[in-house]
Amino acid sequence: MANGENTRPPSPPADRSAADGGDVAAQNIVVRGRVQGVGYRPFVYCLALVHGLSGHVRNRLGDVEIIACGSKPRLEAGNVDLR
């Protein structure tokens, strides 16, 4: 994380996803608009911690790319909070 490009939340414990909705899924989200230089990546990192998601978030030519992994209910809750 020295260059600030990737922010990776810690992986949730193995038993968390099974307890709240079963299988682990992954989701690729690209956010466009004014999302660089406004603290968006740290915001996404905090949401991932709150929802028990793992993955990464990075800047990508004016956009922010989010790869989120977790149970479907956790991913859905994270998506609601991203909006």
PDB file of N, CA and C in Angstrom:
ATOM      1  N   MET A   1       0.806  -1.172   0.000  1.00  0.00           N
ATOM      2  CA  MET A   1       0.000   0.000   0.000  1.00  0.00           C
ATOM      3  C   MET A   1       0.863   1.255   0.000  1.00  0.00           C
ATOM      4  N   ALA A   2       2.132   1.094  -0.222  1.00  0.00           N
ATOM      5  CA  ALA A   2       3.034   2.230  -0.194  1.00  0.00           C
ATOM      6  C   ALA A   2       2.708   3.256  -1.263  1.00  0.00           C
ATOM      7  N   ASN A   3       2.291   2.808  -2.441  1.00  0.00           N
ATOM      8  CA  ASN A   3       1.996   3.761  -3.504  1.00  0.00           C
ATOM      9  C   ASN A   3       0.544   4.227  -3.484  1.00  0.00           C
ATOM     10  N   GLY A   4      -0.283   3.710  -2.609  1.00  0.00           N
ATOM     11  CA  GLY A   4      -1.668   4.142  -2.490  1.00  0.00           C
ATOM     12  C   GLY A   4      -2.593   3.615  -3.574  1.00  0.00           C
ATOM     13  N   GLU A   5      -2.111   2.734  -4.431  1.00  0.00           N
ATOM     14  CA  GLU A   5      -2.937   2.253  -5.534  1.00  0.00           C
ATOM     15  C   GLU A   5      -3.989   1.248  -5.094  1.00  0.00           C
ATOM     16  N   ASN A   6      -3.644   0.331  -4.233  1.00  0.00           N
ATOM     17  CA  ASN A   6      -4.594  -0.704  -3.821  1.00  0.00           C
ATOM     18  C   ASN A   6      -4.871  -0.592  -2.337  1.00  0.00           C
ATOM     19  N   THR A   7      -6.111  -0.780  -1.977  1.00  0.00           N
ATOM     20  CA  THR A   7      -6.505  -0.851  -0.581  1.00  0.00           C
ATOM     21  C   THR A   7      -7.239  -2.165  -0.421  1.00  0.00           C
ATOM     22  N   ARG A   8      -6.683  -3.059   0.361  1.00  0.00           N
ATOM     23  CA  ARG A   8      -7.272  -4.393   0.496  1.00  0.00           C
ATOM     24  C   ARG A   8      -7.752  -4.605   1.926  1.00  0.00           C
ATOM     25  N   PRO A   9      -9.061  -4.772   2.094  1.00  0.00           N
ATOM     26  CA  PRO A   9      -9.546  -5.097   3.424  1.00  0.00           C
ATOM     27  C   PRO A   9      -9.169  -6.523   3.792  1.00  0.00           C
ATOM     28  N   PRO A  10      -9.045  -6.806   5.065  1.00  0.00           N
ATOM     29  CA  PRO A  10      -8.727  -8.176   5.463  1.00  0.00           C
ATOM     30  C   PRO A  10      -9.845  -9.127   5.071  1.00  0.00           C
ATOM     31  N   SER A  11      -9.483 -10.354   4.799  1.00  0.00           N
ATOM     32  CA  SER A  11     -10.488 -11.366   4.472  1.00  0.00           C
ATOM     33  C   SER A  11     -11.315 -11.679   5.703  1.00  0.00           C
ATOM     34  N   PRO A  12     -12.624 -11.865   5.515  1.00  0.00           N
ATOM     35  CA  PRO A  12     -13.450 -12.225   6.666  1.00  0.00           C
ATOM     36  C   PRO A  12     -13.137 -13.645   7.111  1.00  0.00           C
ATOM     37  N   PRO A  13     -13.384 -13.963   8.365  1.00  0.00           N
ATOM     38  CA  PRO A  13     -13.188 -15.341   8.819  1.00  0.00           C
ATOM     39  C   PRO A  13     -14.013 -16.300   7.973  1.00  0.00           C
ATOM     40  N   ALA A  14     -13.515 -17.494   7.793  1.00  0.00           N
ATOM     41  CA  ALA A  14     -14.140 -18.470   6.898  1.00  0.00           C
ATOM     42  C   ALA A  14     -15.584 -18.775   7.279  1.00  0.00           C
ATOM     43  N   ASP A  15     -15.910 -18.744   8.560  1.00  0.00           N
ATOM     44  CA  ASP A  15     -17.254 -19.130   8.974  1.00  0.00           C
ATOM     45  C   ASP A  15     -18.269 -17.991   8.832  1.00  0.00           C
ATOM     46  N   ARG A  16     -17.873 -16.769   8.562  1.00  0.00           N
ATOM     47  CA  ARG A  16     -18.824 -15.656   8.491  1.00  0.00           C
ATOM     48  C   ARG A  16     -19.768 -15.781   7.304  1.00  0.00           C
ATOM     49  N   SER A  17     -19.250 -16.126   6.120  1.00  0.00           N
ATOM     50  CA  SER A  17     -20.129 -16.177   4.952  1.00  0.00           C
ATOM     51  C   SER A  17     -21.138 -17.318   5.067  1.00  0.00           C
ATOM     52  N   ALA A  18     -20.735 -18.440   5.628  1.00  0.00           N
ATOM     53  CA  ALA A  18     -21.649 -19.565   5.754  1.00  0.00           C
ATOM     54  C   ALA A  18     -22.772 -19.237   6.737  1.00  0.00           C
ATOM     55  N   ALA A  19     -22.472 -18.436   7.736  1.00  0.00           N
ATOM     56  CA  ALA A  19     -23.462 -18.116   8.758  1.00  0.00           C
ATOM     57  C   ALA A  19     -24.516 -17.131   8.271  1.00  0.00           C
ATOM     58  N   ASP A  20     -24.229 -16.388   7.193  1.00  0.00           N
ATOM     59  CA  ASP A  20     -25.177 -15.346   6.800  1.00  0.00           C
ATOM     60  C   ASP A  20     -25.670 -15.455   5.369  1.00  0.00           C
ATOM     61  N   GLY A  21     -25.552 -16.581   4.735  1.00  0.00           N
ATOM     62  CA  GLY A  21     -26.136 -16.659   3.410  1.00  0.00           C
ATOM     63  C   GLY A  21     -25.453 -17.603   2.464  1.00  0.00           C
ATOM     64  N   GLY A  22     -24.532 -18.402   2.944  1.00  0.00           N
ATOM     65  CA  GLY A  22     -24.002 -19.453   2.097  1.00  0.00           C
ATOM     66  C   GLY A  22     -22.762 -19.118   1.328  1.00  0.00           C
ATOM     67  N   ASP A  23     -22.796 -19.477   0.046  1.00  0.00           N
ATOM     68  CA  ASP A  23     -21.616 -19.447  -0.806  1.00  0.00           C
ATOM     69  C   ASP A  23     -21.023 -18.056  -0.962  1.00  0.00           C
ATOM     70  N   VAL A  24     -19.723 -18.040  -1.182  1.00  0.00           N
ATOM     71  CA  VAL A  24     -19.009 -16.794  -1.419  1.00  0.00           C
ATOM     72  C   VAL A  24     -19.083 -16.464  -2.908  1.00  0.00           C
ATOM     73  N   ALA A  25     -19.360 -15.207  -3.209  1.00  0.00           N
ATOM     74  CA  ALA A  25     -19.435 -14.726  -4.587  1.00  0.00           C
ATOM     75  C   ALA A  25     -18.481 -13.553  -4.741  1.00  0.00           C
ATOM     76  N   ALA A  26     -18.184 -13.206  -5.988  1.00  0.00           N
ATOM     77  CA  ALA A  26     -17.344 -12.042  -6.273  1.00  0.00           C
ATOM     78  C   ALA A  26     -18.123 -11.106  -7.180  1.00  0.00           C
ATOM     79  N   GLN A  27     -17.831  -9.826  -7.046  1.00  0.00           N
ATOM     80  CA  GLN A  27     -18.513  -8.825  -7.847  1.00  0.00           C
ATOM     81  C   GLN A  27     -17.508  -7.774  -8.291  1.00  0.00           C
ATOM     82  N   ASN A  28     -17.576  -7.413  -9.577  1.00  0.00           N
ATOM     83  CA  ASN A  28     -16.723  -6.360 -10.135  1.00  0.00           C
ATOM     84  C   ASN A  28     -17.598  -5.131 -10.345  1.00  0.00           C
ATOM     85  N   ILE A  29     -17.221  -4.014  -9.730  1.00  0.00           N
ATOM     86  CA  ILE A  29     -17.985  -2.776  -9.812  1.00  0.00           C
ATOM     87  C   ILE A  29     -17.058  -1.682 -10.324  1.00  0.00           C
ATOM     88  N   VAL A  30     -17.488  -0.934 -11.328  1.00  0.00           N
ATOM     89  CA  VAL A  30     -16.718   0.210 -11.816  1.00  0.00           C
ATOM     90  C   VAL A  30     -17.549   1.459 -11.539  1.00  0.00           C
ATOM     91  N   VAL A  31     -16.959   2.383 -10.794  1.00  0.00           N
ATOM     92  CA  VAL A  31     -17.639   3.626 -10.429  1.00  0.00           C
ATOM     93  C   VAL A  31     -17.048   4.742 -11.267  1.00  0.00           C
ATOM     94  N   ARG A  32     -17.920   5.449 -11.978  1.00  0.00           N
ATOM     95  CA  ARG A  32     -17.479   6.545 -12.835  1.00  0.00           C
ATOM     96  C   ARG A  32     -17.935   7.869 -12.244  1.00  0.00           C
ATOM     97  N   GLY A  33     -17.242   8.926 -12.612  1.00  0.00           N
ATOM     98  CA  GLY A  33     -17.606  10.250 -12.114  1.00  0.00           C
ATOM     99  C   GLY A  33     -16.498  10.799 -11.244  1.00  0.00           C
ATOM    100  N   ARG A  34     -16.847  11.713 -10.400  1.00  0.00           N
ATOM    101  CA  ARG A  34     -15.858  12.358  -9.529  1.00  0.00           C
ATOM    102  C   ARG A  34     -15.617  11.479  -8.307  1.00  0.00           C
ATOM    103  N   VAL A  35     -14.713  10.532  -8.468  1.00  0.00           N
ATOM    104  CA  VAL A  35     -14.437   9.593  -7.380  1.00  0.00           C
ATOM    105  C   VAL A  35     -12.955   9.542  -7.021  1.00  0.00           C
ATOM    106  N   GLN A  36     -12.118  10.262  -7.745  1.00  0.00           N
ATOM    107  CA  GLN A  36     -10.694  10.274  -7.415  1.00  0.00           C
ATOM    108  C   GLN A  36     -10.343  11.590  -6.734  1.00  0.00           C
ATOM    109  N   GLY A  37      -9.524  11.492  -5.710  1.00  0.00           N
ATOM    110  CA  GLY A  37      -9.098  12.671  -4.981  1.00  0.00           C
ATOM    111  C   GLY A  37     -10.111  13.170  -3.964  1.00  0.00           C
ATOM    112  N   VAL A  38     -11.149  12.374  -3.688  1.00  0.00           N
ATOM    113  CA  VAL A  38     -12.176  12.788  -2.730  1.00  0.00           C
ATOM    114  C   VAL A  38     -12.327  11.789  -1.582  1.00  0.00           C
ATOM    115  N   GLY A  39     -11.394  10.860  -1.458  1.00  0.00           N
ATOM    116  CA  GLY A  39     -11.445   9.879  -0.374  1.00  0.00           C
ATOM    117  C   GLY A  39     -12.379   8.708  -0.636  1.00  0.00           C
ATOM    118  N   TYR A  40     -12.644   8.414  -1.896  1.00  0.00           N
ATOM    119  CA  TYR A  40     -13.592   7.341  -2.216  1.00  0.00           C
ATOM    120  C   TYR A  40     -13.032   5.958  -1.882  1.00  0.00           C
ATOM    121  N   ARG A  41     -11.743   5.723  -2.185  1.00  0.00           N
ATOM    122  CA  ARG A  41     -11.175   4.403  -1.876  1.00  0.00           C
ATOM    123  C   ARG A  41     -11.194   4.112  -0.383  1.00  0.00           C
ATOM    124  N   PRO A  42     -10.815   5.061   0.485  1.00  0.00           N
ATOM    125  CA  PRO A  42     -10.938   4.779   1.928  1.00  0.00           C
ATOM    126  C   PRO A  42     -12.387   4.557   2.369  1.00  0.00           C
ATOM    127  N   PHE A  43     -13.327   5.262   1.734  1.00  0.00           N
ATOM    128  CA  PHE A  43     -14.749   5.060   2.020  1.00  0.00           C
ATOM    129  C   PHE A  43     -15.157   3.623   1.690  1.00  0.00           C
ATOM    130  N   VAL A  44     -14.731   3.131   0.521  1.00  0.00           N
ATOM    131  CA  VAL A  44     -15.047   1.761   0.110  1.00  0.00           C
ATOM    132  C   VAL A  44     -14.396   0.760   1.061  1.00  0.00           C
ATOM    133  N   TYR A  45     -13.168   1.034   1.455  1.00  0.00           N
ATOM    134  CA  TYR A  45     -12.468   0.163   2.408  1.00  0.00           C
ATOM    135  C   TYR A  45     -13.268   0.028   3.702  1.00  0.00           C
ATOM    136  N   CYS A  46     -13.747   1.147   4.232  1.00  0.00           N
ATOM    137  CA  CYS A  46     -14.523   1.116   5.479  1.00  0.00           C
ATOM    138  C   CYS A  46     -15.824   0.337   5.305  1.00  0.00           C
ATOM    139  N   LEU A  47     -16.488   0.527   4.156  1.00  0.00           N
ATOM    140  CA  LEU A  47     -17.710  -0.246   3.895  1.00  0.00           C
ATOM    141  C   LEU A  47     -17.416  -1.744   3.851  1.00  0.00           C
ATOM    142  N   ALA A  48     -16.298  -2.106   3.244  1.00  0.00           N
ATOM    143  CA  ALA A  48     -15.927  -3.530   3.169  1.00  0.00           C
ATOM    144  C   ALA A  48     -15.729  -4.104   4.567  1.00  0.00           C
ATOM    145  N   LEU A  49     -15.086  -3.347   5.434  1.00  0.00           N
ATOM    146  CA  LEU A  49     -14.896  -3.820   6.806  1.00  0.00           C
ATOM    147  C   LEU A  49     -16.229  -3.987   7.525  1.00  0.00           C
ATOM    148  N   VAL A  50     -17.109  -3.006   7.375  1.00  0.00           N
ATOM    149  CA  VAL A  50     -18.415  -3.056   8.036  1.00  0.00           C
ATOM    150  C   VAL A  50     -19.220  -4.264   7.568  1.00  0.00           C
ATOM    151  N   HIS A  51     -19.156  -4.565   6.282  1.00  0.00           N
ATOM    152  CA  HIS A  51     -19.968  -5.649   5.725  1.00  0.00           C
ATOM    153  C   HIS A  51     -19.242  -6.991   5.660  1.00  0.00           C
ATOM    154  N   GLY A  52     -18.003  -7.058   6.150  1.00  0.00           N
ATOM    155  CA  GLY A  52     -17.274  -8.321   6.165  1.00  0.00           C
ATOM    156  C   GLY A  52     -16.899  -8.810   4.782  1.00  0.00           C
ATOM    157  N   LEU A  53     -16.568  -7.886   3.872  1.00  0.00           N
ATOM    158  CA  LEU A  53     -16.185  -8.238   2.511  1.00  0.00           C
ATOM    159  C   LEU A  53     -14.674  -8.188   2.349  1.00  0.00           C
ATOM    160  N   SER A  54     -14.166  -8.960   1.418  1.00  0.00           N
ATOM    161  CA  SER A  54     -12.752  -8.888   1.062  1.00  0.00           C
ATOM    162  C   SER A  54     -12.665  -8.450  -0.393  1.00  0.00           C
ATOM    163  N   GLY A  55     -11.459  -8.175  -0.873  1.00  0.00           N
ATOM    164  CA  GLY A  55     -11.273  -7.773  -2.264  1.00  0.00           C
ATOM    165  C   GLY A  55     -10.291  -6.641  -2.383  1.00  0.00           C
ATOM    166  N   HIS A  56     -10.475  -5.799  -3.403  1.00  0.00           N
ATOM    167  CA  HIS A  56      -9.603  -4.632  -3.542  1.00  0.00           C
ATOM    168  C   HIS A  56     -10.332  -3.510  -4.265  1.00  0.00           C
ATOM    169  N   VAL A  57      -9.758  -2.329  -4.146  1.00  0.00           N
ATOM    170  CA  VAL A  57     -10.294  -1.147  -4.815  1.00  0.00           C
ATOM    171  C   VAL A  57      -9.103  -0.372  -5.363  1.00  0.00           C
ATOM    172  N   ARG A  58      -9.221   0.117  -6.617  1.00  0.00           N
ATOM    173  CA  ARG A  58      -8.090   0.826  -7.215  1.00  0.00           C
ATOM    174  C   ARG A  58      -8.585   1.859  -8.228  1.00  0.00           C
ATOM    175  N   ASN A  59      -7.754   2.873  -8.432  1.00  0.00           N
ATOM    176  CA  ASN A  59      -8.024   3.865  -9.462  1.00  0.00           C
ATOM    177  C   ASN A  59      -7.722   3.255 -10.819  1.00  0.00           C
ATOM    178  N   ARG A  60      -8.525   3.663 -11.816  1.00  0.00           N
ATOM    179  CA  ARG A  60      -8.373   3.117 -13.163  1.00  0.00           C
ATOM    180  C   ARG A  60      -8.779   4.187 -14.182  1.00  0.00           C
ATOM    181  N   LEU A  61      -7.842   4.991 -14.640  1.00  0.00           N
ATOM    182  CA  LEU A  61      -8.082   5.989 -15.684  1.00  0.00           C
ATOM    183  C   LEU A  61      -9.360   6.804 -15.469  1.00  0.00           C
ATOM    184  N   GLY A  62      -9.460   7.457 -14.355  1.00  0.00           N
ATOM    185  CA  GLY A  62     -10.615   8.296 -14.078  1.00  0.00           C
ATOM    186  C   GLY A  62     -11.775   7.591 -13.399  1.00  0.00           C
ATOM    187  N   ASP A  63     -11.726   6.282 -13.318  1.00  0.00           N
ATOM    188  CA  ASP A  63     -12.760   5.496 -12.655  1.00  0.00           C
ATOM    189  C   ASP A  63     -12.158   4.845 -11.407  1.00  0.00           C
ATOM    190  N   VAL A  64     -13.000   4.238 -10.615  1.00  0.00           N
ATOM    191  CA  VAL A  64     -12.544   3.405  -9.506  1.00  0.00           C
ATOM    192  C   VAL A  64     -13.123   2.010  -9.720  1.00  0.00           C
ATOM    193  N   GLU A  65     -12.257   1.005  -9.686  1.00  0.00           N
ATOM    194  CA  GLU A  65     -12.676  -0.382  -9.831  1.00  0.00           C
ATOM    195  C   GLU A  65     -12.693  -1.049  -8.459  1.00  0.00           C
ATOM    196  N   ILE A  66     -13.789  -1.721  -8.177  1.00  0.00           N
ATOM    197  CA  ILE A  66     -13.959  -2.435  -6.906  1.00  0.00           C
ATOM    198  C   ILE A  66     -14.187  -3.909  -7.216  1.00  0.00           C
ATOM    199  N   ILE A  67     -13.391  -4.770  -6.609  1.00  0.00           N
ATOM    200  CA  ILE A  67     -13.623  -6.207  -6.639  1.00  0.00           C
ATOM    201  C   ILE A  67     -13.996  -6.589  -5.209  1.00  0.00           C
ATOM    202  N   ALA A  68     -15.223  -7.053  -5.028  1.00  0.00           N
ATOM    203  CA  ALA A  68     -15.704  -7.395  -3.688  1.00  0.00           C
ATOM    204  C   ALA A  68     -16.058  -8.875  -3.645  1.00  0.00           C
ATOM    205  N   CYS A  69     -15.684  -9.531  -2.555  1.00  0.00           N
ATOM    206  CA  CYS A  69     -15.961 -10.953  -2.362  1.00  0.00           C
ATOM    207  C   CYS A  69     -16.635 -11.154  -1.013  1.00  0.00           C
ATOM    208  N   GLY A  70     -17.663 -11.985  -1.012  1.00  0.00           N
ATOM    209  CA  GLY A  70     -18.375 -12.301   0.218  1.00  0.00           C
ATOM    210  C   GLY A  70     -19.661 -13.020  -0.120  1.00  0.00           C
ATOM    211  N   SER A  71     -20.482 -13.238   0.863  1.00  0.00           N
ATOM    212  CA  SER A  71     -21.771 -13.883   0.612  1.00  0.00           C
ATOM    213  C   SER A  71     -22.676 -12.908  -0.145  1.00  0.00           C
ATOM    214  N   LYS A  72     -23.659 -13.456  -0.844  1.00  0.00           N
ATOM    215  CA  LYS A  72     -24.575 -12.601  -1.618  1.00  0.00           C
ATOM    216  C   LYS A  72     -25.288 -11.571  -0.748  1.00  0.00           C
ATOM    217  N   PRO A  73     -25.782 -11.935   0.447  1.00  0.00           N
ATOM    218  CA  PRO A  73     -26.429 -10.910   1.281  1.00  0.00           C
ATOM    219  C   PRO A  73     -25.471  -9.783   1.684  1.00  0.00           C
ATOM    220  N   ARG A  74     -24.219 -10.123   1.961  1.00  0.00           N
ATOM    221  CA  ARG A  74     -23.240  -9.087   2.326  1.00  0.00           C
ATOM    222  C   ARG A  74     -22.915  -8.199   1.132  1.00  0.00           C
ATOM    223  N   LEU A  75     -22.782  -8.813  -0.050  1.00  0.00           N
ATOM    224  CA  LEU A  75     -22.514  -8.017  -1.270  1.00  0.00           C
ATOM    225  C   LEU A  75     -23.685  -7.064  -1.551  1.00  0.00           C
ATOM    226  N   GLU A  76     -24.901  -7.560  -1.415  1.00  0.00           N
ATOM    227  CA  GLU A  76     -26.072  -6.720  -1.661  1.00  0.00           C
ATOM    228  C   GLU A  76     -26.137  -5.547  -0.678  1.00  0.00           C
ATOM    229  N   ALA A  77     -25.845  -5.811   0.582  1.00  0.00           N
ATOM    230  CA  ALA A  77     -25.852  -4.735   1.581  1.00  0.00           C
ATOM    231  C   ALA A  77     -24.751  -3.712   1.282  1.00  0.00           C
ATOM    232  N   GLY A  78     -23.598  -4.194   0.850  1.00  0.00           N
ATOM    233  CA  GLY A  78     -22.503  -3.289   0.474  1.00  0.00           C
ATOM    234  C   GLY A  78     -22.877  -2.432  -0.709  1.00  0.00           C
ATOM    235  N   ASN A  79     -23.557  -3.005  -1.695  1.00  0.00           N
ATOM    236  CA  ASN A  79     -24.000  -2.245  -2.873  1.00  0.00           C
ATOM    237  C   ASN A  79     -24.964  -1.140  -2.480  1.00  0.00           C
ATOM    238  N   VAL A  80     -25.878  -1.428  -1.571  1.00  0.00           N
ATOM    239  CA  VAL A  80     -26.836  -0.406  -1.123  1.00  0.00           C
ATOM    240  C   VAL A  80     -26.073   0.769  -0.515  1.00  0.00           C
ATOM    241  N   ASP A  81     -25.084   0.476   0.314  1.00  0.00           N
ATOM    242  CA  ASP A  81     -24.332   1.548   0.970  1.00  0.00           C
ATOM    243  C   ASP A  81     -23.416   2.301   0.012  1.00  0.00           C
ATOM    244  N   LEU A  82     -23.016   1.698  -1.091  1.00  0.00           N
ATOM    245  CA  LEU A  82     -22.196   2.410  -2.089  1.00  0.00           C
ATOM    246  C   LEU A  82     -23.002   3.514  -2.772  1.00  0.00           C
ATOM    247  N   ARG A  83     -24.295   3.351  -2.862  1.00  0.00           N
ATOM    248  CA  ARG A  83     -25.144   4.331  -3.554  1.00  0.00           C
ATOM    249  C   ARG A  83     -25.458   5.416  -2.632  1.00  0.00           C
TER     250      ARG A  83
END
